[in-house]
PDB file of N, CA and C in Angstrom:
ATOM      1  N   ALA A   1      17.412 -84.157 -60.934  1.00  0.00           N
ATOM      2  CA  ALA A   1      18.274 -83.341 -61.809  1.00  0.00           C
ATOM      3  C   ALA A   1      18.290 -81.898 -61.324  1.00  0.00           C
ATOM      4  N   ASP A   2      17.116 -81.439 -60.905  1.00  0.00           N
ATOM      5  CA  ASP A   2      17.015 -80.045 -60.422  1.00  0.00           C
ATOM      6  C   ASP A   2      17.389 -79.953 -58.948  1.00  0.00           C
ATOM      7  N   TRP A   3      17.194 -81.055 -58.249  1.00  0.00           N
ATOM      8  CA  TRP A   3      17.493 -81.062 -56.815  1.00  0.00           C
ATOM      9  C   TRP A   3      18.877 -81.663 -56.568  1.00  0.00           C
ATOM     10  N   PRO A   4      19.468 -81.406 -55.425  1.00  0.00           N
ATOM     11  CA  PRO A   4      20.811 -81.903 -55.063  1.00  0.00           C
ATOM     12  C   PRO A   4      20.799 -83.390 -54.740  1.00  0.00           C
ATOM     13  N   THR A   5      21.189 -84.234 -55.687  1.00  0.00           N
ATOM     14  CA  THR A   5      21.210 -85.678 -55.444  1.00  0.00           C
ATOM     15  C   THR A   5      22.567 -86.265 -55.826  1.00  0.00           C
ATOM     16  N   PRO A   6      23.533 -86.148 -54.930  1.00  0.00           N
ATOM     17  CA  PRO A   6      24.881 -86.655 -55.179  1.00  0.00           C
ATOM     18  C   PRO A   6      24.954 -88.169 -54.998  1.00  0.00           C
ATOM     19  N   ARG A   7      23.958 -88.756 -54.333  1.00  0.00           N
ATOM     20  CA  ARG A   7      23.964 -90.211 -54.107  1.00  0.00           C
ATOM     21  C   ARG A   7      22.887 -90.884 -54.953  1.00  0.00           C
ATOM     22  N   THR A   8      22.838 -90.598 -56.232  1.00  0.00           N
ATOM     23  CA  THR A   8      21.826 -91.222 -57.093  1.00  0.00           C
ATOM     24  C   THR A   8      22.496 -91.888 -58.294  1.00  0.00           C
ATOM     25  N   PRO A   9      22.627 -93.197 -58.248  1.00  0.00           N
ATOM     26  CA  PRO A   9      23.275 -93.964 -59.311  1.00  0.00           C
ATOM     27  C   PRO A   9      22.421 -94.001 -60.579  1.00  0.00           C
ATOM     28  N   GLU A  10      21.110 -93.970 -60.416  1.00  0.00           N
ATOM     29  CA  GLU A  10      20.220 -94.019 -61.585  1.00  0.00           C
ATOM     30  C   GLU A  10      19.795 -92.624 -62.020  1.00  0.00           C
ATOM     31  N   GLY A  11      20.188 -91.623 -61.262  1.00  0.00           N
ATOM     32  CA  GLY A  11      19.822 -90.250 -61.640  1.00  0.00           C
ATOM     33  C   GLY A  11      18.672 -89.738 -60.792  1.00  0.00           C
ATOM     34  N   GLU A  12      17.478 -89.710 -61.351  1.00  0.00           N
ATOM     35  CA  GLU A  12      16.319 -89.211 -60.600  1.00  0.00           C
ATOM     36  C   GLU A  12      15.124 -90.152 -60.762  1.00  0.00           C
ATOM     37  N   ALA A  13      15.387 -91.353 -61.234  1.00  0.00           N
ATOM     38  CA  ALA A  13      14.294 -92.302 -61.460  1.00  0.00           C
ATOM     39  C   ALA A  13      13.672 -92.770 -60.139  1.00  0.00           C
ATOM     40  N   PRO A  14      14.492 -93.260 -59.208  1.00  0.00           N
ATOM     41  CA  PRO A  14      13.959 -93.763 -57.934  1.00  0.00           C
ATOM     42  C   PRO A  14      13.500 -92.639 -57.015  1.00  0.00           C
ATOM     43  N   HIS A  15      13.982 -91.449 -57.250  1.00  0.00           N
ATOM     44  CA  HIS A  15      13.622 -90.322 -56.373  1.00  0.00           C
ATOM     45  C   HIS A  15      12.269 -89.733 -56.764  1.00  0.00           C
ATOM     46  N   VAL A  16      11.979 -89.796 -58.049  1.00  0.00           N
ATOM     47  CA  VAL A  16      10.722 -89.194 -58.528  1.00  0.00           C
ATOM     48  C   VAL A  16       9.650 -90.260 -58.735  1.00  0.00           C
ATOM     49  N   VAL A  17      10.077 -91.495 -58.951  1.00  0.00           N
ATOM     50  CA  VAL A  17       9.111 -92.569 -59.219  1.00  0.00           C
ATOM     51  C   VAL A  17       8.659 -93.234 -57.921  1.00  0.00           C
ATOM     52  N   ALA A  18       9.433 -93.057 -56.859  1.00  0.00           N
ATOM     53  CA  ALA A  18       9.079 -93.707 -55.595  1.00  0.00           C
ATOM     54  C   ALA A  18       8.009 -92.919 -54.821  1.00  0.00           C
ATOM     55  N   PRO A  19       8.263 -91.646 -54.517  1.00  0.00           N
ATOM     56  CA  PRO A  19       7.326 -90.861 -53.709  1.00  0.00           C
ATOM     57  C   PRO A  19       6.223 -90.220 -54.554  1.00  0.00           C
ATOM     58  N   ALA A  20       6.267 -90.373 -55.856  1.00  0.00           N
ATOM     59  CA  ALA A  20       5.256 -89.732 -56.704  1.00  0.00           C
ATOM     60  C   ALA A  20       4.121 -90.706 -57.073  1.00  0.00           C
ATOM     61  N   PRO A  21       4.441 -91.828 -57.720  1.00  0.00           N
ATOM     62  CA  PRO A  21       3.406 -92.771 -58.159  1.00  0.00           C
ATOM     63  C   PRO A  21       2.699 -93.463 -57.003  1.00  0.00           C
ATOM     64  N   HIS A  22       3.289 -93.486 -55.837  1.00  0.00           N
ATOM     65  CA  HIS A  22       2.665 -94.147 -54.678  1.00  0.00           C
ATOM     66  C   HIS A  22       1.329 -93.491 -54.310  1.00  0.00           C
ATOM     67  N   PRO A  23       1.358 -92.198 -53.952  1.00  0.00           N
ATOM     68  CA  PRO A  23       0.138 -91.483 -53.544  1.00  0.00           C
ATOM     69  C   PRO A  23      -0.647 -90.965 -54.749  1.00  0.00           C
ATOM     70  N   ALA A  24       0.010 -90.787 -55.857  1.00  0.00           N
ATOM     71  CA  ALA A  24      -0.650 -90.231 -57.047  1.00  0.00           C
ATOM     72  C   ALA A  24      -1.480 -91.320 -57.736  1.00  0.00           C
ATOM     73  N   ARG A  25      -0.966 -92.527 -57.794  1.00  0.00           N
ATOM     74  CA  ARG A  25      -1.690 -93.616 -58.477  1.00  0.00           C
ATOM     75  C   ARG A  25      -2.914 -94.030 -57.656  1.00  0.00           C
ATOM     76  N   ASP A  26      -2.833 -93.828 -56.359  1.00  0.00           N
ATOM     77  CA  ASP A  26      -3.962 -94.215 -55.504  1.00  0.00           C
ATOM     78  C   ASP A  26      -5.105 -93.207 -55.611  1.00  0.00           C
ATOM     79  N   GLU A  27      -4.741 -91.957 -55.876  1.00  0.00           N
ATOM     80  CA  GLU A  27      -5.770 -90.902 -55.961  1.00  0.00           C
ATOM     81  C   GLU A  27      -6.155 -90.627 -57.416  1.00  0.00           C
ATOM     82  N   GLU A  28      -5.352 -91.095 -58.344  1.00  0.00           N
ATOM     83  CA  GLU A  28      -5.642 -90.829 -59.768  1.00  0.00           C
ATOM     84  C   GLU A  28      -6.908 -91.567 -60.228  1.00  0.00           C
ATOM     85  N   PRO A  29      -6.993 -92.861 -59.985  1.00  0.00           N
ATOM     86  CA  PRO A  29      -8.169 -93.638 -60.429  1.00  0.00           C
ATOM     87  C   PRO A  29      -9.415 -93.284 -59.627  1.00  0.00           C
ATOM     88  N   LYS A  30      -9.223 -92.860 -58.390  1.00  0.00           N
ATOM     89  CA  LYS A  30     -10.377 -92.514 -57.536  1.00  0.00           C
ATOM     90  C   LYS A  30     -10.966 -91.169 -57.949  1.00  0.00           C
ATOM     91  N   LEU A  31     -10.100 -90.261 -58.409  1.00  0.00           N
ATOM     92  CA  LEU A  31     -10.596 -88.937 -58.783  1.00  0.00           C
ATOM     93  C   LEU A  31     -11.249 -89.037 -60.159  1.00  0.00           C
TER      94      LEU A  31
END
């Protein structure tokens, strides 16, 4: 929403949920 995403049919769900939960979920339980 804040970034330029003209090719996003779902909005910002796949853009923020893809590169965020991948590395964050792996380090969240370990920390």
